[in-house]
Amino acid sequence: METEQYVIKQISIFSENRPGRLAAIAQALGEEKVNILAFSIAEANGFGVVRALVDHPKKAQAKLQSLGFNSAFTDVIAVKMKDTPGGLFEVAKILGDAGINIEYSYAYSGKGGAVLILRVDQVDDAIKKIQASGATLLERSLFH
């Protein structure tokens, strides 16, 4: 079973946790015509980590690095969930029952339904288990 088409490149941007940093990141990406499709922000020890799915990851990274932002790519997967109570439980149970750890996640909901973005410790196994369950994985081509 081929899994590569479901592996999405998420860009993680590391920055000082201070006013204006998110605006600077968003402005830089806007100037490059890079669309932010989903993102989350986390804080640790005075630094922030912006994790984002963008339509042009390499272009985004080049622009941000030129401005002095440290960034890296991480492989994530996107699972379409039921946008009803229990939707998250179904996906989390599939992975938990398979012994796959969710390192972090974030989600969005819109006209097309709810989508859970997951960073897991066993990407290929997670993809296979989710597919075997009948749940829908979104292909990388939908993001970039």
Protein backbone atom coordinates (compact mmCIF):
# COMPACT_ATOMS: atom_id res chain seq x y z
CA MET A 1 0.00 0.00 0.00
CA GLU A 2 1.51 3.34 -1.09
CA THR A 3 1.59 5.95 1.67
CA GLU A 4 3.81 8.72 0.30
CA GLN A 5 0.97 10.72 -1.28
CA TYR A 6 -0.53 11.25 2.20
CA VAL A 7 2.61 12.69 3.82
CA ILE A 8 2.29 16.49 4.04
CA LYS A 9 5.22 18.85 4.59
CA GLN A 10 4.40 21.15 7.50
CA ILE A 11 6.68 24.12 8.07
CA SER A 12 7.63 24.87 11.68
CA ILE A 13 8.86 28.41 12.32
CA PHE A 14 10.74 29.19 15.51
CA SER A 15 10.59 32.72 16.85
CA GLU A 16 10.89 34.83 19.96
CA ASN A 17 7.56 34.96 21.75
CA ARG A 18 6.95 38.70 21.53
CA PRO A 19 4.43 41.09 19.97
CA GLY A 20 4.56 41.43 16.20
CA ARG A 21 6.32 38.16 15.36
CA LEU A 22 3.23 36.44 13.94
CA ALA A 23 2.43 39.57 11.93
CA ALA A 24 5.97 39.54 10.49
CA ILE A 25 5.63 35.89 9.48
CA ALA A 26 2.20 36.45 7.94
CA GLN A 27 3.40 39.56 6.08
CA ALA A 28 6.42 37.73 4.67
CA LEU A 29 4.28 34.86 3.42
CA GLY A 30 1.71 37.25 1.98
CA GLU A 31 4.42 39.12 0.06
CA GLU A 32 5.47 35.81 -1.50
CA LYS A 33 1.82 34.90 -2.33
CA VAL A 34 2.06 31.86 -0.04
CA ASN A 35 -1.34 30.87 1.33
CA ILE A 36 -1.58 29.63 4.93
CA LEU A 37 -4.10 26.76 4.93
CA ALA A 38 -3.91 25.84 8.63
CA PHE A 39 -1.66 26.75 11.55
CA SER A 40 -1.10 26.46 15.26
CA ILE A 41 1.06 28.33 17.73
CA ALA A 42 2.77 26.82 20.76
CA GLU A 43 4.97 28.44 23.40
CA ALA A 44 7.93 27.05 25.31
CA ASN A 45 10.51 28.91 27.40
CA GLY A 46 9.97 32.31 25.79
CA PHE A 47 10.00 31.00 22.24
CA GLY A 48 7.09 30.34 19.96
CA VAL A 49 6.64 27.64 17.37
CA VAL A 50 4.29 28.37 14.50
CA ARG A 51 3.34 25.18 12.70
CA ALA A 52 1.68 25.78 9.35
CA LEU A 53 0.40 24.06 6.27
CA VAL A 54 1.05 26.31 3.30
CA ASP A 55 0.54 25.87 -0.42
CA HIS A 56 4.24 26.51 -1.27
CA PRO A 57 6.40 25.20 1.61
CA LYS A 58 9.84 25.62 -0.01
CA LYS A 59 9.05 29.17 -1.13
CA ALA A 60 7.81 29.97 2.39
CA GLN A 61 10.94 28.56 4.00
CA ALA A 62 13.28 30.45 1.66
CA LYS A 63 11.54 33.77 2.39
CA LEU A 64 11.43 33.24 6.16
CA GLN A 65 15.07 32.16 6.32
CA SER A 66 16.08 35.25 4.33
CA LEU A 67 14.47 37.29 7.13
CA GLY A 68 16.35 35.39 9.86
CA PHE A 69 13.60 33.01 10.95
CA ASN A 70 14.70 29.48 11.82
CA SER A 71 12.40 26.89 10.28
CA ALA A 72 12.17 23.18 9.55
CA PHE A 73 9.88 20.76 7.78
CA THR A 74 7.96 18.04 9.60
CA ASP A 75 5.92 15.22 8.08
CA VAL A 76 2.26 15.25 9.11
CA ILE A 77 -0.94 13.61 7.92
CA ALA A 78 -4.44 15.02 7.51
CA VAL A 79 -7.51 12.96 8.37
CA LYS A 80 -11.00 13.98 7.39
CA MET A 81 -13.22 13.53 10.43
CA LYS A 82 -16.93 13.57 10.99
CA ASP A 83 -17.81 17.09 12.09
CA THR A 84 -20.02 15.72 14.85
CA PRO A 85 -19.53 14.71 18.48
CA GLY A 86 -17.28 11.64 18.57
CA GLY A 87 -15.43 12.42 15.33
CA LEU A 88 -12.11 12.98 17.10
CA PHE A 89 -12.63 9.88 19.24
CA GLU A 90 -12.88 7.65 16.16
CA VAL A 91 -9.51 8.79 14.77
CA ALA A 92 -7.74 8.83 18.15
CA LYS A 93 -8.99 5.31 18.93
CA ILE A 94 -7.69 3.89 15.63
CA LEU A 95 -4.21 5.20 16.38
CA GLY A 96 -4.28 4.40 20.10
CA ASP A 97 -5.40 0.83 19.49
CA ALA A 98 -2.48 0.44 17.05
CA GLY A 99 0.04 1.74 19.60
CA ILE A 100 0.74 4.87 17.53
CA ASN A 101 1.48 7.99 19.56
CA ILE A 102 0.06 11.38 18.59
CA GLU A 103 2.86 13.83 19.34
CA TYR A 104 0.66 16.85 18.61
CA SER A 105 -2.29 17.81 16.47
CA TYR A 106 -4.48 20.69 15.45
CA ALA A 107 -7.69 20.82 13.49
CA TYR A 108 -9.86 23.01 11.36
CA SER A 109 -13.49 22.88 10.35
CA GLY A 110 -15.12 24.53 7.39
CA LYS A 111 -17.52 23.96 4.52
CA GLY A 112 -15.70 20.77 3.50
CA GLY A 113 -15.95 19.25 6.99
CA ALA A 114 -13.49 18.83 9.82
CA VAL A 115 -9.84 17.94 9.28
CA LEU A 116 -7.37 16.77 11.92
CA ILE A 117 -3.67 17.42 11.27
CA LEU A 118 -1.50 14.89 13.12
CA ARG A 119 2.16 14.49 13.90
CA VAL A 120 2.62 10.83 14.85
CA ASP A 121 5.62 8.71 15.74
CA GLN A 122 4.89 6.06 13.07
CA VAL A 123 3.70 7.85 9.92
CA ASP A 124 3.46 4.88 7.53
CA ASP A 125 1.73 2.66 10.09
CA ALA A 126 -0.70 5.45 10.95
CA ILE A 127 -1.61 5.92 7.30
CA LYS A 128 -2.17 2.19 6.83
CA LYS A 129 -4.32 1.87 9.97
CA ILE A 130 -6.44 4.88 9.07
CA GLN A 131 -6.97 3.59 5.54
CA ALA A 132 -7.84 0.11 6.82
CA SER A 133 -10.46 1.63 9.14
CA GLY A 134 -12.26 3.24 6.22
CA ALA A 135 -11.47 6.78 7.40
CA THR A 136 -10.40 9.33 4.77
CA LEU A 137 -6.87 10.69 4.53
CA LEU A 138 -6.35 13.86 2.53
CA GLU A 139 -3.65 13.73 -0.12
CA ARG A 140 -0.66 16.05 -0.06
CA SER A 141 -1.76 17.51 -3.40
CA LEU A 142 -4.69 19.22 -1.66
CA PHE A 143 -2.24 21.30 0.35
CA HIS A 144 0.77 21.81 -1.95
